[in-house]
Amino acid sequence: MATDNAQLIRGASTALSINYTPSVAVAEGEVVVQGTMVGIAARAIAAGEVGNLTVGGSVWLLPKDIASGGTVTAGQQLYWDASNSECTNIASSHNKIGKAEKASAQATTTVYVVLDGIAS
């Protein structure tokens, strides 16, 4: 579970979403990984209840790796590091989450991400 939840910046009316029924409660803005698919809960979802995960068509402000993969350029592919609950530009074993909307310096702890939809 993320300690710093994602913040929806824009695109709520154009967002692509999928149904999701969590086994444990999911907080608003929490990033959820299912296999190679990454989504974000636009609203809180109670355990066992059907809710929605946003997977594309919107821009989110997400926590970013400031160590090994910290400097990000506009349009760069980003990945979700589920172990550290942050975006990184290092593919490694991480899942694609989207592309950077704009550049983000190494020391900046957040990045604007355009969700790619169901990227694998």
PDB file of N, CA and C in Angstrom:
ATOM      1  N   MET A   1       0.840  -1.172   0.000  1.00  0.00           N
ATOM      2  CA  MET A   1       0.000   0.000   0.000  1.00  0.00           C
ATOM      3  C   MET A   1       0.889   1.241   0.000  1.00  0.00           C
ATOM      4  N   ALA A   2       0.541   2.200  -0.835  1.00  0.00           N
ATOM      5  CA  ALA A   2       1.346   3.409  -0.961  1.00  0.00           C
ATOM      6  C   ALA A   2       1.239   4.269   0.287  1.00  0.00           C
ATOM      7  N   THR A   3       2.335   4.895   0.665  1.00  0.00           N
ATOM      8  CA  THR A   3       2.297   5.820   1.778  1.00  0.00           C
ATOM      9  C   THR A   3       1.916   7.210   1.282  1.00  0.00           C
ATOM     10  N   ASP A   4       2.336   7.559   0.081  1.00  0.00           N
ATOM     11  CA  ASP A   4       1.953   8.820  -0.540  1.00  0.00           C
ATOM     12  C   ASP A   4       1.060   8.490  -1.720  1.00  0.00           C
ATOM     13  N   ASN A   5      -0.235   8.721  -1.583  1.00  0.00           N
ATOM     14  CA  ASN A   5      -1.159   8.344  -2.635  1.00  0.00           C
ATOM     15  C   ASN A   5      -1.084   9.303  -3.806  1.00  0.00           C
ATOM     16  N   ALA A   6      -1.475   8.784  -4.967  1.00  0.00           N
ATOM     17  CA  ALA A   6      -1.496   9.562  -6.195  1.00  0.00           C
ATOM     18  C   ALA A   6      -2.580  10.624  -6.122  1.00  0.00           C
ATOM     19  N   GLN A   7      -2.358  11.717  -6.834  1.00  0.00           N
ATOM     20  CA  GLN A   7      -3.333  12.804  -6.888  1.00  0.00           C
ATOM     21  C   GLN A   7      -3.744  13.005  -8.341  1.00  0.00           C
ATOM     22  N   LEU A   8      -5.052  12.920  -8.611  1.00  0.00           N
ATOM     23  CA  LEU A   8      -5.555  13.149  -9.957  1.00  0.00           C
ATOM     24  C   LEU A   8      -5.423  14.629 -10.292  1.00  0.00           C
ATOM     25  N   ILE A   9      -4.743  14.939 -11.393  1.00  0.00           N
ATOM     26  CA  ILE A   9      -4.542  16.321 -11.815  1.00  0.00           C
ATOM     27  C   ILE A   9      -5.604  16.731 -12.819  1.00  0.00           C
ATOM     28  N   ARG A  10      -5.804  15.910 -13.858  1.00  0.00           N
ATOM     29  CA  ARG A  10      -6.859  16.190 -14.834  1.00  0.00           C
ATOM     30  C   ARG A  10      -7.182  14.932 -15.625  1.00  0.00           C
ATOM     31  N   GLY A  11      -8.377  14.936 -16.208  1.00  0.00           N
ATOM     32  CA  GLY A  11      -8.792  13.838 -17.059  1.00  0.00           C
ATOM     33  C   GLY A  11      -9.852  12.939 -16.470  1.00  0.00           C
ATOM     34  N   ALA A  12     -10.487  13.344 -15.362  1.00  0.00           N
ATOM     35  CA  ALA A  12     -11.495  12.476 -14.745  1.00  0.00           C
ATOM     36  C   ALA A  12     -12.618  12.133 -15.716  1.00  0.00           C
ATOM     37  N   SER A  13     -13.022  13.068 -16.549  1.00  0.00           N
ATOM     38  CA  SER A  13     -14.140  12.815 -17.465  1.00  0.00           C
ATOM     39  C   SER A  13     -13.728  11.977 -18.673  1.00  0.00           C
ATOM     40  N   THR A  14     -12.432  11.900 -18.959  1.00  0.00           N
ATOM     41  CA  THR A  14     -11.961  11.140 -20.121  1.00  0.00           C
ATOM     42  C   THR A  14     -11.196   9.882 -19.730  1.00  0.00           C
ATOM     43  N   ALA A  15     -11.139   9.591 -18.450  1.00  0.00           N
ATOM     44  CA  ALA A  15     -10.337   8.467 -17.965  1.00  0.00           C
ATOM     45  C   ALA A  15     -10.887   7.119 -18.416  1.00  0.00           C
ATOM     46  N   LEU A  16      -9.973   6.224 -18.728  1.00  0.00           N
ATOM     47  CA  LEU A  16     -10.294   4.839 -19.034  1.00  0.00           C
ATOM     48  C   LEU A  16     -10.187   4.071 -17.724  1.00  0.00           C
ATOM     49  N   SER A  17     -11.230   3.341 -17.369  1.00  0.00           N
ATOM     50  CA  SER A  17     -11.175   2.620 -16.099  1.00  0.00           C
ATOM     51  C   SER A  17     -11.669   1.188 -16.279  1.00  0.00           C
ATOM     52  N   ILE A  18     -11.301   0.365 -15.320  1.00  0.00           N
ATOM     53  CA  ILE A  18     -11.727  -1.036 -15.298  1.00  0.00           C
ATOM     54  C   ILE A  18     -12.351  -1.326 -13.948  1.00  0.00           C
ATOM     55  N   ASN A  19     -13.216  -2.327 -13.895  1.00  0.00           N
ATOM     56  CA  ASN A  19     -13.788  -2.765 -12.627  1.00  0.00           C
ATOM     57  C   ASN A  19     -12.732  -3.500 -11.819  1.00  0.00           C
ATOM     58  N   TYR A  20     -12.819  -3.348 -10.499  1.00  0.00           N
ATOM     59  CA  TYR A  20     -11.850  -4.001  -9.610  1.00  0.00           C
ATOM     60  C   TYR A  20     -12.531  -4.279  -8.282  1.00  0.00           C
ATOM     61  N   THR A  21     -12.395  -5.508  -7.800  1.00  0.00           N
ATOM     62  CA  THR A  21     -12.941  -5.896  -6.505  1.00  0.00           C
ATOM     63  C   THR A  21     -11.781  -6.317  -5.609  1.00  0.00           C
ATOM     64  N   PRO A  22     -11.360  -5.450  -4.694  1.00  0.00           N
ATOM     65  CA  PRO A  22     -10.202  -5.772  -3.849  1.00  0.00           C
ATOM     66  C   PRO A  22     -10.564  -6.710  -2.692  1.00  0.00           C
ATOM     67  N   SER A  23      -9.581  -7.469  -2.246  1.00  0.00           N
ATOM     68  CA  SER A  23      -9.789  -8.332  -1.082  1.00  0.00           C
ATOM     69  C   SER A  23      -9.595  -7.537   0.218  1.00  0.00           C
ATOM     70  N   VAL A  24      -8.869  -6.436   0.131  1.00  0.00           N
ATOM     71  CA  VAL A  24      -8.711  -5.507   1.263  1.00  0.00           C
ATOM     72  C   VAL A  24      -9.042  -4.100   0.751  1.00  0.00           C
ATOM     73  N   ALA A  25      -9.428  -3.230   1.646  1.00  0.00           N
ATOM     74  CA  ALA A  25      -9.807  -1.872   1.255  1.00  0.00           C
ATOM     75  C   ALA A  25      -8.668  -1.168   0.510  1.00  0.00           C
ATOM     76  N   VAL A  26      -9.041  -0.364  -0.476  1.00  0.00           N
ATOM     77  CA  VAL A  26      -8.083   0.404  -1.267  1.00  0.00           C
ATOM     78  C   VAL A  26      -8.400   1.884  -1.063  1.00  0.00           C
ATOM     79  N   ALA A  27      -7.395   2.660  -0.727  1.00  0.00           N
ATOM     80  CA  ALA A  27      -7.584   4.094  -0.488  1.00  0.00           C
ATOM     81  C   ALA A  27      -7.667   4.873  -1.804  1.00  0.00           C
ATOM     82  N   GLU A  28      -8.323   6.002  -1.756  1.00  0.00           N
ATOM     83  CA  GLU A  28      -8.342   6.894  -2.912  1.00  0.00           C
ATOM     84  C   GLU A  28      -6.907   7.269  -3.268  1.00  0.00           C
ATOM     85  N   GLY A  29      -6.565   7.147  -4.562  1.00  0.00           N
ATOM     86  CA  GLY A  29      -5.216   7.480  -5.010  1.00  0.00           C
ATOM     87  C   GLY A  29      -4.201   6.365  -4.852  1.00  0.00           C
ATOM     88  N   GLU A  30      -4.628   5.235  -4.349  1.00  0.00           N
ATOM     89  CA  GLU A  30      -3.697   4.114  -4.186  1.00  0.00           C
ATOM     90  C   GLU A  30      -3.431   3.455  -5.539  1.00  0.00           C
ATOM     91  N   VAL A  31      -2.177   3.138  -5.792  1.00  0.00           N
ATOM     92  CA  VAL A  31      -1.778   2.455  -7.013  1.00  0.00           C
ATOM     93  C   VAL A  31      -1.918   0.952  -6.781  1.00  0.00           C
ATOM     94  N   VAL A  32      -2.571   0.280  -7.745  1.00  0.00           N
ATOM     95  CA  VAL A  32      -2.827  -1.158  -7.635  1.00  0.00           C
ATOM     96  C   VAL A  32      -2.197  -1.857  -8.840  1.00  0.00           C
ATOM     97  N   VAL A  33      -1.441  -2.930  -8.572  1.00  0.00           N
ATOM     98  CA  VAL A  33      -0.814  -3.714  -9.635  1.00  0.00           C
ATOM     99  C   VAL A  33      -1.515  -5.061  -9.712  1.00  0.00           C
ATOM    100  N   GLN A  34      -1.954  -5.416 -10.925  1.00  0.00           N
ATOM    101  CA  GLN A  34      -2.543  -6.732 -11.188  1.00  0.00           C
ATOM    102  C   GLN A  34      -1.784  -7.340 -12.353  1.00  0.00           C
ATOM    103  N   GLY A  35      -0.906  -8.283 -12.085  1.00  0.00           N
ATOM    104  CA  GLY A  35      -0.076  -8.841 -13.151  1.00  0.00           C
ATOM    105  C   GLY A  35       0.811  -7.746 -13.726  1.00  0.00           C
ATOM    106  N   THR A  36       0.652  -7.465 -15.025  1.00  0.00           N
ATOM    107  CA  THR A  36       1.436  -6.389 -15.650  1.00  0.00           C
ATOM    108  C   THR A  36       0.639  -5.099 -15.777  1.00  0.00           C
ATOM    109  N   MET A  37      -0.586  -5.088 -15.281  1.00  0.00           N
ATOM    110  CA  MET A  37      -1.450  -3.910 -15.391  1.00  0.00           C
ATOM    111  C   MET A  37      -1.376  -3.076 -14.112  1.00  0.00           C
ATOM    112  N   VAL A  38      -1.252  -1.758 -14.300  1.00  0.00           N
ATOM    113  CA  VAL A  38      -1.192  -0.834 -13.172  1.00  0.00           C
ATOM    114  C   VAL A  38      -2.368   0.125 -13.277  1.00  0.00           C
ATOM    115  N   GLY A  39      -3.102   0.292 -12.182  1.00  0.00           N
ATOM    116  CA  GLY A  39      -4.228   1.221 -12.150  1.00  0.00           C
ATOM    117  C   GLY A  39      -4.201   2.026 -10.874  1.00  0.00           C
ATOM    118  N   ILE A  40      -5.000   3.080 -10.845  1.00  0.00           N
ATOM    119  CA  ILE A  40      -5.073   3.949  -9.664  1.00  0.00           C
ATOM    120  C   ILE A  40      -6.533   4.100  -9.268  1.00  0.00           C
ATOM    121  N   ALA A  41      -6.809   3.948  -7.986  1.00  0.00           N
ATOM    122  CA  ALA A  41      -8.176   4.096  -7.478  1.00  0.00           C
ATOM    123  C   ALA A  41      -8.523   5.585  -7.403  1.00  0.00           C
ATOM    124  N   ALA A  42      -9.468   6.016  -8.235  1.00  0.00           N
ATOM    125  CA  ALA A  42      -9.893   7.416  -8.219  1.00  0.00           C
ATOM    126  C   ALA A  42     -10.718   7.717  -6.968  1.00  0.00           C
ATOM    127  N   ARG A  43     -11.334   6.675  -6.422  1.00  0.00           N
ATOM    128  CA  ARG A  43     -12.105   6.782  -5.178  1.00  0.00           C
ATOM    129  C   ARG A  43     -11.754   5.569  -4.318  1.00  0.00           C
ATOM    130  N   ALA A  44     -11.983   5.696  -3.024  1.00  0.00           N
ATOM    131  CA  ALA A  44     -11.747   4.565  -2.124  1.00  0.00           C
ATOM    132  C   ALA A  44     -12.656   3.399  -2.515  1.00  0.00           C
ATOM    133  N   ILE A  45     -12.154   2.177  -2.341  1.00  0.00           N
ATOM    134  CA  ILE A  45     -12.934   0.975  -2.647  1.00  0.00           C
ATOM    135  C   ILE A  45     -12.903   0.082  -1.408  1.00  0.00           C
ATOM    136  N   ALA A  46     -14.078  -0.265  -0.902  1.00  0.00           N
ATOM    137  CA  ALA A  46     -14.164  -1.134   0.271  1.00  0.00           C
ATOM    138  C   ALA A  46     -13.813  -2.569  -0.125  1.00  0.00           C
ATOM    139  N   ALA A  47     -13.289  -3.321   0.820  1.00  0.00           N
ATOM    140  CA  ALA A  47     -12.963  -4.725   0.574  1.00  0.00           C
ATOM    141  C   ALA A  47     -14.207  -5.476   0.125  1.00  0.00           C
ATOM    142  N   GLY A  48     -14.070  -6.262  -0.942  1.00  0.00           N
ATOM    143  CA  GLY A  48     -15.175  -7.066  -1.440  1.00  0.00           C
ATOM    144  C   GLY A  48     -16.197  -6.320  -2.281  1.00  0.00           C
ATOM    145  N   GLU A  49     -16.030  -5.015  -2.447  1.00  0.00           N
ATOM    146  CA  GLU A  49     -16.955  -4.205  -3.241  1.00  0.00           C
ATOM    147  C   GLU A  49     -16.348  -3.907  -4.610  1.00  0.00           C
ATOM    148  N   VAL A  50     -17.206  -3.805  -5.619  1.00  0.00           N
ATOM    149  CA  VAL A  50     -16.729  -3.460  -6.957  1.00  0.00           C
ATOM    150  C   VAL A  50     -16.473  -1.962  -7.021  1.00  0.00           C
ATOM    151  N   GLY A  51     -15.285  -1.601  -7.499  1.00  0.00           N
ATOM    152  CA  GLY A  51     -14.926  -0.198  -7.691  1.00  0.00           C
ATOM    153  C   GLY A  51     -14.226  -0.067  -9.031  1.00  0.00           C
ATOM    154  N   ASN A  52     -13.600   1.082  -9.254  1.00  0.00           N
ATOM    155  CA  ASN A  52     -12.916   1.321 -10.522  1.00  0.00           C
ATOM    156  C   ASN A  52     -11.465   1.708 -10.306  1.00  0.00           C
ATOM    157  N   LEU A  53     -10.627   1.199 -11.212  1.00  0.00           N
ATOM    158  CA  LEU A  53      -9.234   1.620 -11.278  1.00  0.00           C
ATOM    159  C   LEU A  53      -9.053   2.388 -12.574  1.00  0.00           C
ATOM    160  N   THR A  54      -8.459   3.562 -12.497  1.00  0.00           N
ATOM    161  CA  THR A  54      -8.140   4.340 -13.685  1.00  0.00           C
ATOM    162  C   THR A  54      -6.877   3.769 -14.299  1.00  0.00           C
ATOM    163  N   VAL A  55      -6.930   3.456 -15.608  1.00  0.00           N
ATOM    164  CA  VAL A  55      -5.765   2.877 -16.274  1.00  0.00           C
ATOM    165  C   VAL A  55      -5.295   3.709 -17.463  1.00  0.00           C
ATOM    166  N   GLY A  56      -5.980   4.786 -17.782  1.00  0.00           N
ATOM    167  CA  GLY A  56      -5.564   5.626 -18.909  1.00  0.00           C
ATOM    168  C   GLY A  56      -6.418   6.880 -19.033  1.00  0.00           C
ATOM    169  N   GLY A  57      -5.986   7.778 -19.923  1.00  0.00           N
ATOM    170  CA  GLY A  57      -6.763   8.969 -20.228  1.00  0.00           C
ATOM    171  C   GLY A  57      -6.745  10.046 -19.171  1.00  0.00           C
ATOM    172  N   SER A  58      -5.768  10.029 -18.287  1.00  0.00           N
ATOM    173  CA  SER A  58      -5.709  11.033 -17.223  1.00  0.00           C
ATOM    174  C   SER A  58      -4.259  11.275 -16.800  1.00  0.00           C
ATOM    175  N   VAL A  59      -4.068  12.377 -16.093  1.00  0.00           N
ATOM    176  CA  VAL A  59      -2.740  12.755 -15.588  1.00  0.00           C
ATOM    177  C   VAL A  59      -2.775  12.714 -14.062  1.00  0.00           C
ATOM    178  N   TRP A  60      -1.791  12.048 -13.498  1.00  0.00           N
ATOM    179  CA  TRP A  60      -1.694  11.892 -12.045  1.00  0.00           C
ATOM    180  C   TRP A  60      -0.348  12.394 -11.547  1.00  0.00           C
ATOM    181  N   LEU A  61      -0.335  12.948 -10.350  1.00  0.00           N
ATOM    182  CA  LEU A  61       0.901  13.328  -9.675  1.00  0.00           C
ATOM    183  C   LEU A  61       1.257  12.160  -8.763  1.00  0.00           C
ATOM    184  N   LEU A  62       2.424  11.560  -9.007  1.00  0.00           N
ATOM    185  CA  LEU A  62       2.833  10.351  -8.286  1.00  0.00           C
ATOM    186  C   LEU A  62       4.187  10.543  -7.615  1.00  0.00           C
ATOM    187  N   PRO A  63       4.431   9.793  -6.528  1.00  0.00           N
ATOM    188  CA  PRO A  63       5.760   9.834  -5.910  1.00  0.00           C
ATOM    189  C   PRO A  63       6.803   9.269  -6.873  1.00  0.00           C
ATOM    190  N   LYS A  64       8.021   9.794  -6.800  1.00  0.00           N
ATOM    191  CA  LYS A  64       9.072   9.429  -7.754  1.00  0.00           C
ATOM    192  C   LYS A  64      10.360   9.052  -7.030  1.00  0.00           C
ATOM    193  N   ASP A  65      11.041   8.067  -7.598  1.00  0.00           N
ATOM    194  CA  ASP A  65      12.357   7.634  -7.132  1.00  0.00           C
ATOM    195  C   ASP A  65      13.341   8.788  -7.299  1.00  0.00           C
ATOM    196  N   ILE A  66      13.986   9.203  -6.224  1.00  0.00           N
ATOM    197  CA  ILE A  66      14.963  10.293  -6.332  1.00  0.00           C
ATOM    198  C   ILE A  66      16.395   9.769  -6.268  1.00  0.00           C
ATOM    199  N   ALA A  67      16.541   8.464  -6.186  1.00  0.00           N
ATOM    200  CA  ALA A  67      17.891   7.883  -6.103  1.00  0.00           C
ATOM    201  C   ALA A  67      18.358   7.422  -7.475  1.00  0.00           C
ATOM    202  N   SER A  68      18.190   6.159  -7.760  1.00  0.00           N
ATOM    203  CA  SER A  68      18.770   5.582  -8.977  1.00  0.00           C
ATOM    204  C   SER A  68      18.081   6.006 -10.264  1.00  0.00           C
ATOM    205  N   GLY A  69      16.792   6.239 -10.247  1.00  0.00           N
ATOM    206  CA  GLY A  69      16.079   6.591 -11.474  1.00  0.00           C
ATOM    207  C   GLY A  69      15.345   7.903 -11.329  1.00  0.00           C
ATOM    208  N   GLY A  70      15.996   8.898 -10.798  1.00  0.00           N
ATOM    209  CA  GLY A  70      15.327  10.123 -10.418  1.00  0.00           C
ATOM    210  C   GLY A  70      15.109  11.181 -11.468  1.00  0.00           C
ATOM    211  N   THR A  71      16.031  11.378 -12.393  1.00  0.00           N
ATOM    212  CA  THR A  71      15.874  12.418 -13.408  1.00  0.00           C
ATOM    213  C   THR A  71      14.971  11.906 -14.517  1.00  0.00           C
ATOM    214  N   VAL A  72      13.919  12.677 -14.825  1.00  0.00           N
ATOM    215  CA  VAL A  72      12.930  12.258 -15.808  1.00  0.00           C
ATOM    216  C   VAL A  72      12.782  13.351 -16.859  1.00  0.00           C
ATOM    217  N   THR A  73      12.704  12.953 -18.135  1.00  0.00           N
ATOM    218  CA  THR A  73      12.476  13.905 -19.221  1.00  0.00           C
ATOM    219  C   THR A  73      11.025  13.813 -19.683  1.00  0.00           C
ATOM    220  N   ALA A  74      10.517  14.873 -20.274  1.00  0.00           N
ATOM    221  CA  ALA A  74       9.146  14.883 -20.787  1.00  0.00           C
ATOM    222  C   ALA A  74       8.972  13.769 -21.814  1.00  0.00           C
ATOM    223  N   GLY A  75       7.899  13.018 -21.697  1.00  0.00           N
ATOM    224  CA  GLY A  75       7.608  11.936 -22.633  1.00  0.00           C
ATOM    225  C   GLY A  75       8.304  10.622 -22.327  1.00  0.00           C
ATOM    226  N   GLN A  76       9.131  10.602 -21.309  1.00  0.00           N
ATOM    227  CA  GLN A  76       9.874   9.380 -20.978  1.00  0.00           C
ATOM    228  C   GLN A  76       8.950   8.317 -20.389  1.00  0.00           C
ATOM    229  N   GLN A  77       9.178   7.069 -20.784  1.00  0.00           N
ATOM    230  CA  GLN A  77       8.417   5.946 -20.231  1.00  0.00           C
ATOM    231  C   GLN A  77       8.751   5.800 -18.752  1.00  0.00           C
ATOM    232  N   LEU A  78       7.716   5.630 -17.918  1.00  0.00           N
ATOM    233  CA  LEU A  78       7.908   5.442 -16.487  1.00  0.00           C
ATOM    234  C   LEU A  78       7.333   4.098 -16.066  1.00  0.00           C
ATOM    235  N   TYR A  79       7.849   3.597 -14.960  1.00  0.00           N
ATOM    236  CA  TYR A  79       7.478   2.287 -14.442  1.00  0.00           C
ATOM    237  C   TYR A  79       7.086   2.436 -12.981  1.00  0.00           C
ATOM    238  N   TRP A  80       6.233   1.522 -12.501  1.00  0.00           N
ATOM    239  CA  TRP A  80       5.821   1.552 -11.104  1.00  0.00           C
ATOM    240  C   TRP A  80       6.642   0.543 -10.316  1.00  0.00           C
ATOM    241  N   ASP A  81       7.359   1.052  -9.320  1.00  0.00           N
ATOM    242  CA  ASP A  81       8.136   0.221  -8.399  1.00  0.00           C
ATOM    243  C   ASP A  81       7.226  -0.077  -7.209  1.00  0.00           C
ATOM    244  N   ALA A  82       6.555  -1.222  -7.250  1.00  0.00           N
ATOM    245  CA  ALA A  82       5.577  -1.564  -6.215  1.00  0.00           C
ATOM    246  C   ALA A  82       6.225  -1.751  -4.846  1.00  0.00           C
ATOM    247  N   SER A  83       7.465  -2.204  -4.813  1.00  0.00           N
ATOM    248  CA  SER A  83       8.153  -2.420  -3.530  1.00  0.00           C
ATOM    249  C   SER A  83       8.363  -1.114  -2.777  1.00  0.00           C
ATOM    250  N   ASN A  84       8.640  -0.031  -3.524  1.00  0.00           N
ATOM    251  CA  ASN A  84       8.904   1.267  -2.900  1.00  0.00           C
ATOM    252  C   ASN A  84       7.768   2.272  -3.098  1.00  0.00           C
ATOM    253  N   SER A  85       6.690   1.849  -3.756  1.00  0.00           N
ATOM    254  CA  SER A  85       5.515   2.698  -4.008  1.00  0.00           C
ATOM    255  C   SER A  85       5.896   4.023  -4.647  1.00  0.00           C
ATOM    256  N   GLU A  86       6.620   3.923  -5.806  1.00  0.00           N
ATOM    257  CA  GLU A  86       7.046   5.136  -6.501  1.00  0.00           C
ATOM    258  C   GLU A  86       7.314   4.844  -7.975  1.00  0.00           C
ATOM    259  N   CYS A  87       7.296   5.914  -8.770  1.00  0.00           N
ATOM    260  CA  CYS A  87       7.642   5.811 -10.186  1.00  0.00           C
ATOM    261  C   CYS A  87       9.151   5.844 -10.341  1.00  0.00           C
ATOM    262  N   THR A  88       9.607   5.165 -11.375  1.00  0.00           N
ATOM    263  CA  THR A  88      11.025   5.178 -11.721  1.00  0.00           C
ATOM    264  C   THR A  88      11.148   5.124 -13.240  1.00  0.00           C
ATOM    265  N   ASN A  89      12.296   5.536 -13.749  1.00  0.00           N
ATOM    266  CA  ASN A  89      12.526   5.410 -15.195  1.00  0.00           C
ATOM    267  C   ASN A  89      13.352   4.163 -15.516  1.00  0.00           C
ATOM    268  N   ILE A  90      13.528   3.313 -14.535  1.00  0.00           N
ATOM    269  CA  ILE A  90      14.279   2.072 -14.701  1.00  0.00           C
ATOM    270  C   ILE A  90      13.289   0.917 -14.850  1.00  0.00           C
ATOM    271  N   ALA A  91      13.340   0.246 -15.994  1.00  0.00           N
ATOM    272  CA  ALA A  91      12.386  -0.826 -16.282  1.00  0.00           C
ATOM    273  C   ALA A  91      12.541  -1.994 -15.313  1.00  0.00           C
ATOM    274  N   SER A  92      13.738  -2.562 -15.235  1.00  0.00           N
ATOM    275  CA  SER A  92      14.037  -3.692 -14.352  1.00  0.00           C
ATOM    276  C   SER A  92      12.864  -4.667 -14.343  1.00  0.00           C
ATOM    277  N   SER A  93      12.328  -4.976 -13.190  1.00  0.00           N
ATOM    278  CA  SER A  93      11.192  -5.888 -13.082  1.00  0.00           C
ATOM    279  C   SER A  93       9.898  -5.135 -12.801  1.00  0.00           C
ATOM    280  N   HIS A  94       9.908  -3.821 -13.057  1.00  0.00           N
ATOM    281  CA  HIS A  94       8.745  -2.982 -12.770  1.00  0.00           C
ATOM    282  C   HIS A  94       7.772  -2.952 -13.942  1.00  0.00           C
ATOM    283  N   ASN A  95       6.519  -2.626 -13.657  1.00  0.00           N
ATOM    284  CA  ASN A  95       5.480  -2.543 -14.681  1.00  0.00           C
ATOM    285  C   ASN A  95       5.358  -1.129 -15.227  1.00  0.00           C
ATOM    286  N   LYS A  96       5.088  -1.030 -16.525  1.00  0.00           N
ATOM    287  CA  LYS A  96       4.855   0.280 -17.136  1.00  0.00           C
ATOM    288  C   LYS A  96       3.622   0.914 -16.509  1.00  0.00           C
ATOM    289  N   ILE A  97       3.725   2.232 -16.233  1.00  0.00           N
ATOM    290  CA  ILE A  97       2.563   2.954 -15.700  1.00  0.00           C
ATOM    291  C   ILE A  97       2.138   4.073 -16.646  1.00  0.00           C
ATOM    292  N   GLY A  98       3.079   4.664 -17.360  1.00  0.00           N
ATOM    293  CA  GLY A  98       2.741   5.748 -18.282  1.00  0.00           C
ATOM    294  C   GLY A  98       3.971   6.530 -18.686  1.00  0.00           C
ATOM    295  N   LYS A  99       3.724   7.732 -19.185  1.00  0.00           N
ATOM    296  CA  LYS A  99       4.819   8.592 -19.634  1.00  0.00           C
ATOM    297  C   LYS A  99       4.804   9.900 -18.846  1.00  0.00           C
ATOM    298  N   ALA A 100       5.984  10.467 -18.665  1.00  0.00           N
ATOM    299  CA  ALA A 100       6.093  11.730 -17.941  1.00  0.00           C
ATOM    300  C   ALA A 100       5.476  12.849 -18.768  1.00  0.00           C
ATOM    301  N   GLU A 101       4.607  13.628 -18.152  1.00  0.00           N
ATOM    302  CA  GLU A 101       3.997  14.763 -18.846  1.00  0.00           C
ATOM    303  C   GLU A 101       5.017  15.873 -19.064  1.00  0.00           C
ATOM    304  N   LYS A 102       5.909  16.040 -18.084  1.00  0.00           N
ATOM    305  CA  LYS A 102       6.964  17.052 -18.198  1.00  0.00           C
ATOM    306  C   LYS A 102       8.189  16.577 -17.422  1.00  0.00           C
ATOM    307  N   ALA A 103       9.284  17.251 -17.638  1.00  0.00           N
ATOM    308  CA  ALA A 103      10.539  16.881 -16.977  1.00  0.00           C
ATOM    309  C   ALA A 103      10.428  17.024 -15.463  1.00  0.00           C
ATOM    310  N   SER A 104      11.224  16.221 -14.766  1.00  0.00           N
ATOM    311  CA  SER A 104      11.265  16.259 -13.310  1.00  0.00           C
ATOM    312  C   SER A 104      12.718  16.041 -12.882  1.00  0.00           C
ATOM    313  N   ALA A 105      13.261  16.989 -12.141  1.00  0.00           N
ATOM    314  CA  ALA A 105      14.661  16.926 -11.707  1.00  0.00           C
ATOM    315  C   ALA A 105      14.876  15.792 -10.705  1.00  0.00           C
ATOM    316  N   GLN A 106      16.121  15.355 -10.581  1.00  0.00           N
ATOM    317  CA  GLN A 106      16.485  14.257  -9.685  1.00  0.00           C
ATOM    318  C   GLN A 106      15.948  14.464  -8.272  1.00  0.00           C
ATOM    319  N   ALA A 107      16.084  15.656  -7.718  1.00  0.00           N
ATOM    320  CA  ALA A 107      15.702  15.902  -6.331  1.00  0.00           C
ATOM    321  C   ALA A 107      14.196  16.065  -6.131  1.00  0.00           C
ATOM    322  N   THR A 108      13.427  16.191  -7.209  1.00  0.00           N
ATOM    323  CA  THR A 108      11.981  16.356  -7.103  1.00  0.00           C
ATOM    324  C   THR A 108      11.353  15.027  -6.722  1.00  0.00           C
ATOM    325  N   THR A 109      10.499  15.024  -5.709  1.00  0.00           N
ATOM    326  CA  THR A 109       9.948  13.780  -5.172  1.00  0.00           C
ATOM    327  C   THR A 109       8.664  13.318  -5.860  1.00  0.00           C
ATOM    328  N   THR A 110       8.176  14.092  -6.835  1.00  0.00           N
ATOM    329  CA  THR A 110       6.963  13.713  -7.555  1.00  0.00           C
ATOM    330  C   THR A 110       7.159  13.890  -9.050  1.00  0.00           C
ATOM    331  N   VAL A 111       6.261  13.259  -9.830  1.00  0.00           N
ATOM    332  CA  VAL A 111       6.295  13.369 -11.281  1.00  0.00           C
ATOM    333  C   VAL A 111       4.866  13.318 -11.809  1.00  0.00           C
ATOM    334  N   TYR A 112       4.577  14.110 -12.838  1.00  0.00           N
ATOM    335  CA  TYR A 112       3.278  14.088 -13.500  1.00  0.00           C
ATOM    336  C   TYR A 112       3.288  12.960 -14.534  1.00  0.00           C
ATOM    337  N   VAL A 113       2.344  12.024 -14.407  1.00  0.00           N
ATOM    338  CA  VAL A 113       2.315  10.853 -15.260  1.00  0.00           C
ATOM    339  C   VAL A 113       1.019  10.802 -16.058  1.00  0.00           C
ATOM    340  N   VAL A 114       1.163  10.662 -17.379  1.00  0.00           N
ATOM    341  CA  VAL A 114       0.030  10.419 -18.256  1.00  0.00           C
ATOM    342  C   VAL A 114      -0.130   8.905 -18.312  1.00  0.00           C
ATOM    343  N   LEU A 115      -1.199   8.378 -17.725  1.00  0.00           N
ATOM    344  CA  LEU A 115      -1.379   6.933 -17.704  1.00  0.00           C
ATOM    345  C   LEU A 115      -1.523   6.413 -19.122  1.00  0.00           C
ATOM    346  N   ASP A 116      -0.848   5.297 -19.403  1.00  0.00           N
ATOM    347  CA  ASP A 116      -0.826   4.705 -20.746  1.00  0.00           C
ATOM    348  C   ASP A 116      -1.980   3.775 -21.031  1.00  0.00           C
ATOM    349  N   GLY A 117      -2.832   3.580 -20.084  1.00  0.00           N
ATOM    350  CA  GLY A 117      -3.839   2.550 -20.288  1.00  0.00           C
ATOM    351  C   GLY A 117      -3.260   1.225 -19.839  1.00  0.00           C
ATOM    352  N   ILE A 118      -3.652   0.190 -20.503  1.00  0.00           N
ATOM    353  CA  ILE A 118      -3.211  -1.135 -20.091  1.00  0.00           C
ATOM    354  C   ILE A 118      -1.924  -1.457 -20.835  1.00  0.00           C
ATOM    355  N   ALA A 119      -0.816  -0.974 -20.299  1.00  0.00           N
ATOM    356  CA  ALA A 119       0.502  -1.166 -20.913  1.00  0.00           C
ATOM    357  C   ALA A 119       1.143  -2.414 -20.323  1.00  0.00           C
ATOM    358  N   SER A 120       1.787  -3.176 -21.167  1.00  0.00           N
ATOM    359  CA  SER A 120       2.463  -4.361 -20.636  1.00  0.00           C
ATOM    360  C   SER A 120       3.864  -4.444 -21.201  1.00  0.00           C
TER     361      SER A 120
END
